[in-house]
Amino acid sequence: MKYLAFKCSSLKILCLNKIVLVLHIENIIVYTVFNSTELPSITITGNSIVGFGSRASLSAIISSTIQISSVKWQKVYSNGAAYDINVISTSGKYTGSSNSVSNPVLVINGVDFTDEANYRLVVTTALGEVISNQINLIVTGGMLKICS
């Protein structure tokens, strides 16, 4: 089998259900081959349609044969930009678990129209990051205006 090496400190290549990790350390090149079937499997569930002012709850089930070092929730905007959600220091807007690697949860409190977006989970392992499917959150209803 032939390998293509690049001058860089670390490179991961996904090809034919294999991940080739190439390390270049002081003119020594090390190759490690992993099966992509070793990567975690992530399934996100939750209520995708919620009423304005209510609470949305998303959860994930992760199945993995390799150790997971961290998980993080992300909000993905329509332009594709992803924003990491900090469930610890967001003044109660977001709560949940960022350190539960087997069943992480994201709760969005006081849902409003700025919360309409896609949400996903990023799982980090020694092989790199694996990104889950996205769930689209749709907000219905709204604030009532009282006209006099």
C-alpha atoms as a PDB file:
ATOM      1  CA  MET A   1       0.000   0.000   0.000  1.00  0.00           C
ATOM      2  CA  LYS A   2       1.331   3.453  -0.917  1.00  0.00           C
ATOM      3  CA  TYR A   3       0.980   6.481   1.310  1.00  0.00           C
ATOM      4  CA  LEU A   4       1.156  10.110   0.390  1.00  0.00           C
ATOM      5  CA  ALA A   5       2.877  12.264   3.016  1.00  0.00           C
ATOM      6  CA  PHE A   6       2.555  16.002   3.397  1.00  0.00           C
ATOM      7  CA  LYS A   7       4.818  18.339   5.346  1.00  0.00           C
ATOM      8  CA  CYS A   8       2.651  19.021   8.339  1.00  0.00           C
ATOM      9  CA  SER A   9       2.492  18.064  11.974  1.00  0.00           C
ATOM     10  CA  SER A  10      -0.668  15.977  11.684  1.00  0.00           C
ATOM     11  CA  LEU A  11      -3.021  14.985   8.874  1.00  0.00           C
ATOM     12  CA  LYS A  12      -6.044  12.713   8.819  1.00  0.00           C
ATOM     13  CA  ILE A  13      -7.247  11.191   5.563  1.00  0.00           C
ATOM     14  CA  LEU A  14     -10.551   9.304   5.275  1.00  0.00           C
ATOM     15  CA  CYS A  15     -10.477   6.831   2.422  1.00  0.00           C
ATOM     16  CA  LEU A  16     -12.177   3.499   1.730  1.00  0.00           C
ATOM     17  CA  ASN A  17     -13.544   3.143   5.273  1.00  0.00           C
ATOM     18  CA  LYS A  18     -10.078   3.694   6.698  1.00  0.00           C
ATOM     19  CA  ILE A  19      -8.606   6.700   8.440  1.00  0.00           C
ATOM     20  CA  VAL A  20      -4.911   7.205   7.877  1.00  0.00           C
ATOM     21  CA  LEU A  21      -3.278   9.369  10.503  1.00  0.00           C
ATOM     22  CA  VAL A  22      -0.003  10.806   9.226  1.00  0.00           C
ATOM     23  CA  LEU A  23       2.397  12.347  11.728  1.00  0.00           C
ATOM     24  CA  HIS A  24       5.484  14.219  10.594  1.00  0.00           C
ATOM     25  CA  ILE A  25       7.914  14.691  13.455  1.00  0.00           C
ATOM     26  CA  GLU A  26      11.446  15.946  12.736  1.00  0.00           C
ATOM     27  CA  ASN A  27      11.781  14.185   9.355  1.00  0.00           C
ATOM     28  CA  ILE A  28      10.254  10.957  10.675  1.00  0.00           C
ATOM     29  CA  ILE A  29       6.870  10.051   9.230  1.00  0.00           C
ATOM     30  CA  VAL A  30       4.569   7.731  11.174  1.00  0.00           C
ATOM     31  CA  TYR A  31       1.412   6.217   9.670  1.00  0.00           C
ATOM     32  CA  THR A  32      -1.435   4.749  11.674  1.00  0.00           C
ATOM     33  CA  VAL A  33      -4.468   3.182  10.020  1.00  0.00           C
ATOM     34  CA  PHE A  34      -7.832   2.985  11.796  1.00  0.00           C
ATOM     35  CA  ASN A  35     -11.118   1.519  10.615  1.00  0.00           C
ATOM     36  CA  SER A  36     -13.741   4.245  10.257  1.00  0.00           C
ATOM     37  CA  THR A  37     -16.178   1.792  11.880  1.00  0.00           C
ATOM     38  CA  GLU A  38     -14.331   2.588  15.131  1.00  0.00           C
ATOM     39  CA  LEU A  39     -15.675   6.141  14.998  1.00  0.00           C
ATOM     40  CA  PRO A  40     -18.577   6.996  17.319  1.00  0.00           C
ATOM     41  CA  SER A  41     -22.156   6.759  16.130  1.00  0.00           C
ATOM     42  CA  ILE A  42     -24.358   9.682  17.250  1.00  0.00           C
ATOM     43  CA  THR A  43     -28.145   9.927  17.193  1.00  0.00           C
ATOM     44  CA  ILE A  44     -29.926  13.156  18.186  1.00  0.00           C
ATOM     45  CA  THR A  45     -33.552  13.191  19.278  1.00  0.00           C
ATOM     46  CA  GLY A  46     -35.822  15.893  20.624  1.00  0.00           C
ATOM     47  CA  ASN A  47     -38.765  18.162  19.968  1.00  0.00           C
ATOM     48  CA  SER A  48     -38.066  20.028  16.732  1.00  0.00           C
ATOM     49  CA  ILE A  49     -41.216  22.173  16.842  1.00  0.00           C
ATOM     50  CA  VAL A  50     -41.668  24.228  20.010  1.00  0.00           C
ATOM     51  CA  GLY A  51     -43.858  27.105  21.085  1.00  0.00           C
ATOM     52  CA  PHE A  52     -42.491  30.584  21.656  1.00  0.00           C
ATOM     53  CA  GLY A  53     -41.397  30.995  25.294  1.00  0.00           C
ATOM     54  CA  SER A  54     -41.367  27.269  26.004  1.00  0.00           C
ATOM     55  CA  ARG A  55     -38.455  24.898  26.555  1.00  0.00           C
ATOM     56  CA  ALA A  56     -36.782  22.770  23.864  1.00  0.00           C
ATOM     57  CA  SER A  57     -34.934  19.628  24.879  1.00  0.00           C
ATOM     58  CA  LEU A  58     -32.469  17.722  22.703  1.00  0.00           C
ATOM     59  CA  SER A  59     -30.586  14.584  23.653  1.00  0.00           C
ATOM     60  CA  ALA A  60     -28.020  12.393  21.999  1.00  0.00           C
ATOM     61  CA  ILE A  61     -27.133   8.749  22.238  1.00  0.00           C
ATOM     62  CA  ILE A  62     -23.491   7.981  21.496  1.00  0.00           C
ATOM     63  CA  SER A  63     -22.203   4.528  20.716  1.00  0.00           C
ATOM     64  CA  SER A  64     -18.435   4.169  20.575  1.00  0.00           C
ATOM     65  CA  THR A  65     -15.750   1.521  20.892  1.00  0.00           C
ATOM     66  CA  ILE A  66     -13.060   4.143  21.477  1.00  0.00           C
ATOM     67  CA  GLN A  67     -12.744   6.604  24.341  1.00  0.00           C
ATOM     68  CA  ILE A  68     -14.565   9.899  23.960  1.00  0.00           C
ATOM     69  CA  SER A  69     -12.648  12.858  25.335  1.00  0.00           C
ATOM     70  CA  SER A  70     -15.347  15.545  25.032  1.00  0.00           C
ATOM     71  CA  VAL A  71     -18.713  16.505  23.590  1.00  0.00           C
ATOM     72  CA  LYS A  72     -20.106  19.917  22.682  1.00  0.00           C
ATOM     73  CA  TRP A  73     -23.384  21.187  21.327  1.00  0.00           C
ATOM     74  CA  GLN A  74     -23.411  23.590  18.380  1.00  0.00           C
ATOM     75  CA  LYS A  75     -25.991  25.909  16.869  1.00  0.00           C
ATOM     76  CA  VAL A  76     -25.699  25.953  13.064  1.00  0.00           C
ATOM     77  CA  TYR A  77     -26.969  29.009  11.222  1.00  0.00           C
ATOM     78  CA  SER A  78     -28.467  28.993   7.710  1.00  0.00           C
ATOM     79  CA  ASN A  79     -25.144  30.196   6.248  1.00  0.00           C
ATOM     80  CA  GLY A  80     -23.418  27.080   7.650  1.00  0.00           C
ATOM     81  CA  ALA A  81     -21.553  28.864  10.445  1.00  0.00           C
ATOM     82  CA  ALA A  82     -21.520  26.864  13.688  1.00  0.00           C
ATOM     83  CA  TYR A  83     -21.493  28.387  17.170  1.00  0.00           C
ATOM     84  CA  ASP A  84     -20.371  26.393  20.227  1.00  0.00           C
ATOM     85  CA  ILE A  85     -22.997  26.440  22.973  1.00  0.00           C
ATOM     86  CA  ASN A  86     -21.697  26.798  26.511  1.00  0.00           C
ATOM     87  CA  VAL A  87     -24.260  25.054  28.721  1.00  0.00           C
ATOM     88  CA  ILE A  88     -22.530  26.242  31.885  1.00  0.00           C
ATOM     89  CA  SER A  89     -22.179  30.030  31.582  1.00  0.00           C
ATOM     90  CA  THR A  90     -25.066  31.306  29.455  1.00  0.00           C
ATOM     91  CA  SER A  91     -27.236  32.855  32.200  1.00  0.00           C
ATOM     92  CA  GLY A  92     -29.711  29.975  32.059  1.00  0.00           C
ATOM     93  CA  LYS A  93     -30.591  30.260  28.358  1.00  0.00           C
ATOM     94  CA  TYR A  94     -28.888  26.922  27.692  1.00  0.00           C
ATOM     95  CA  THR A  95     -28.613  24.157  30.248  1.00  0.00           C
ATOM     96  CA  GLY A  96     -27.743  20.519  30.022  1.00  0.00           C
ATOM     97  CA  SER A  97     -24.652  18.421  30.002  1.00  0.00           C
ATOM     98  CA  SER A  98     -21.439  18.951  28.140  1.00  0.00           C
ATOM     99  CA  ASN A  99     -19.497  16.378  30.125  1.00  0.00           C
ATOM    100  CA  SER A 100     -21.860  13.418  29.831  1.00  0.00           C
ATOM    101  CA  VAL A 101     -20.214  11.463  27.052  1.00  0.00           C
ATOM    102  CA  SER A 102     -22.808   8.699  26.924  1.00  0.00           C
ATOM    103  CA  ASN A 103     -26.050  10.709  26.838  1.00  0.00           C
ATOM    104  CA  PRO A 104     -25.519  14.490  26.515  1.00  0.00           C
ATOM    105  CA  VAL A 105     -28.547  16.762  26.823  1.00  0.00           C
ATOM    106  CA  LEU A 106     -29.212  20.328  25.641  1.00  0.00           C
ATOM    107  CA  VAL A 107     -32.108  22.343  27.041  1.00  0.00           C
ATOM    108  CA  ILE A 108     -32.990  25.716  25.506  1.00  0.00           C
ATOM    109  CA  ASN A 109     -35.045  27.772  27.955  1.00  0.00           C
ATOM    110  CA  GLY A 110     -37.409  30.563  26.939  1.00  0.00           C
ATOM    111  CA  VAL A 111     -37.296  29.708  23.254  1.00  0.00           C
ATOM    112  CA  ASP A 112     -37.686  32.657  20.877  1.00  0.00           C
ATOM    113  CA  PHE A 113     -37.227  33.211  17.152  1.00  0.00           C
ATOM    114  CA  THR A 114     -33.449  33.691  17.509  1.00  0.00           C
ATOM    115  CA  ASP A 115     -33.298  30.017  18.515  1.00  0.00           C
ATOM    116  CA  GLU A 116     -34.610  28.838  15.146  1.00  0.00           C
ATOM    117  CA  ALA A 117     -31.621  27.009  13.658  1.00  0.00           C
ATOM    118  CA  ASN A 118     -30.092  23.592  13.284  1.00  0.00           C
ATOM    119  CA  TYR A 119     -28.417  21.975  16.284  1.00  0.00           C
ATOM    120  CA  ARG A 120     -25.778  19.244  16.329  1.00  0.00           C
ATOM    121  CA  LEU A 121     -23.351  17.499  18.636  1.00  0.00           C
ATOM    122  CA  VAL A 122     -19.593  17.300  18.107  1.00  0.00           C
ATOM    123  CA  VAL A 123     -17.845  14.323  19.697  1.00  0.00           C
ATOM    124  CA  THR A 124     -14.062  14.391  20.095  1.00  0.00           C
ATOM    125  CA  THR A 125     -11.933  11.241  20.256  1.00  0.00           C
ATOM    126  CA  ALA A 126      -8.258  10.443  19.789  1.00  0.00           C
ATOM    127  CA  LEU A 127      -9.056  10.067  16.073  1.00  0.00           C
ATOM    128  CA  GLY A 128     -10.558  13.551  15.797  1.00  0.00           C
ATOM    129  CA  GLU A 129     -14.040  15.027  15.748  1.00  0.00           C
ATOM    130  CA  VAL A 130     -17.245  13.321  14.643  1.00  0.00           C
ATOM    131  CA  ILE A 131     -20.266  15.520  13.907  1.00  0.00           C
ATOM    132  CA  SER A 132     -23.809  14.254  14.390  1.00  0.00           C
ATOM    133  CA  ASN A 133     -26.833  14.716  12.202  1.00  0.00           C
ATOM    134  CA  GLN A 134     -28.572  18.062  12.646  1.00  0.00           C
ATOM    135  CA  ILE A 135     -31.995  18.656  14.099  1.00  0.00           C
ATOM    136  CA  ASN A 136     -33.908  21.728  12.927  1.00  0.00           C
ATOM    137  CA  LEU A 137     -35.648  23.730  15.648  1.00  0.00           C
ATOM    138  CA  ILE A 138     -38.805  25.533  14.529  1.00  0.00           C
ATOM    139  CA  VAL A 139     -40.478  28.083  16.811  1.00  0.00           C
ATOM    140  CA  THR A 140     -44.231  28.582  16.534  1.00  0.00           C
ATOM    141  CA  GLY A 141     -46.489  31.271  17.965  1.00  0.00           C
ATOM    142  CA  GLY A 142     -45.113  34.498  19.317  1.00  0.00           C
ATOM    143  CA  MET A 143     -45.748  37.403  21.592  1.00  0.00           C
ATOM    144  CA  LEU A 144     -49.242  38.842  21.567  1.00  0.00           C
ATOM    145  CA  LYS A 145     -49.673  42.525  20.820  1.00  0.00           C
ATOM    146  CA  ILE A 146     -52.481  44.281  22.570  1.00  0.00           C
ATOM    147  CA  CYS A 147     -53.822  47.172  20.535  1.00  0.00           C
ATOM    148  CA  SER A 148     -55.775  49.928  22.180  1.00  0.00           C
END
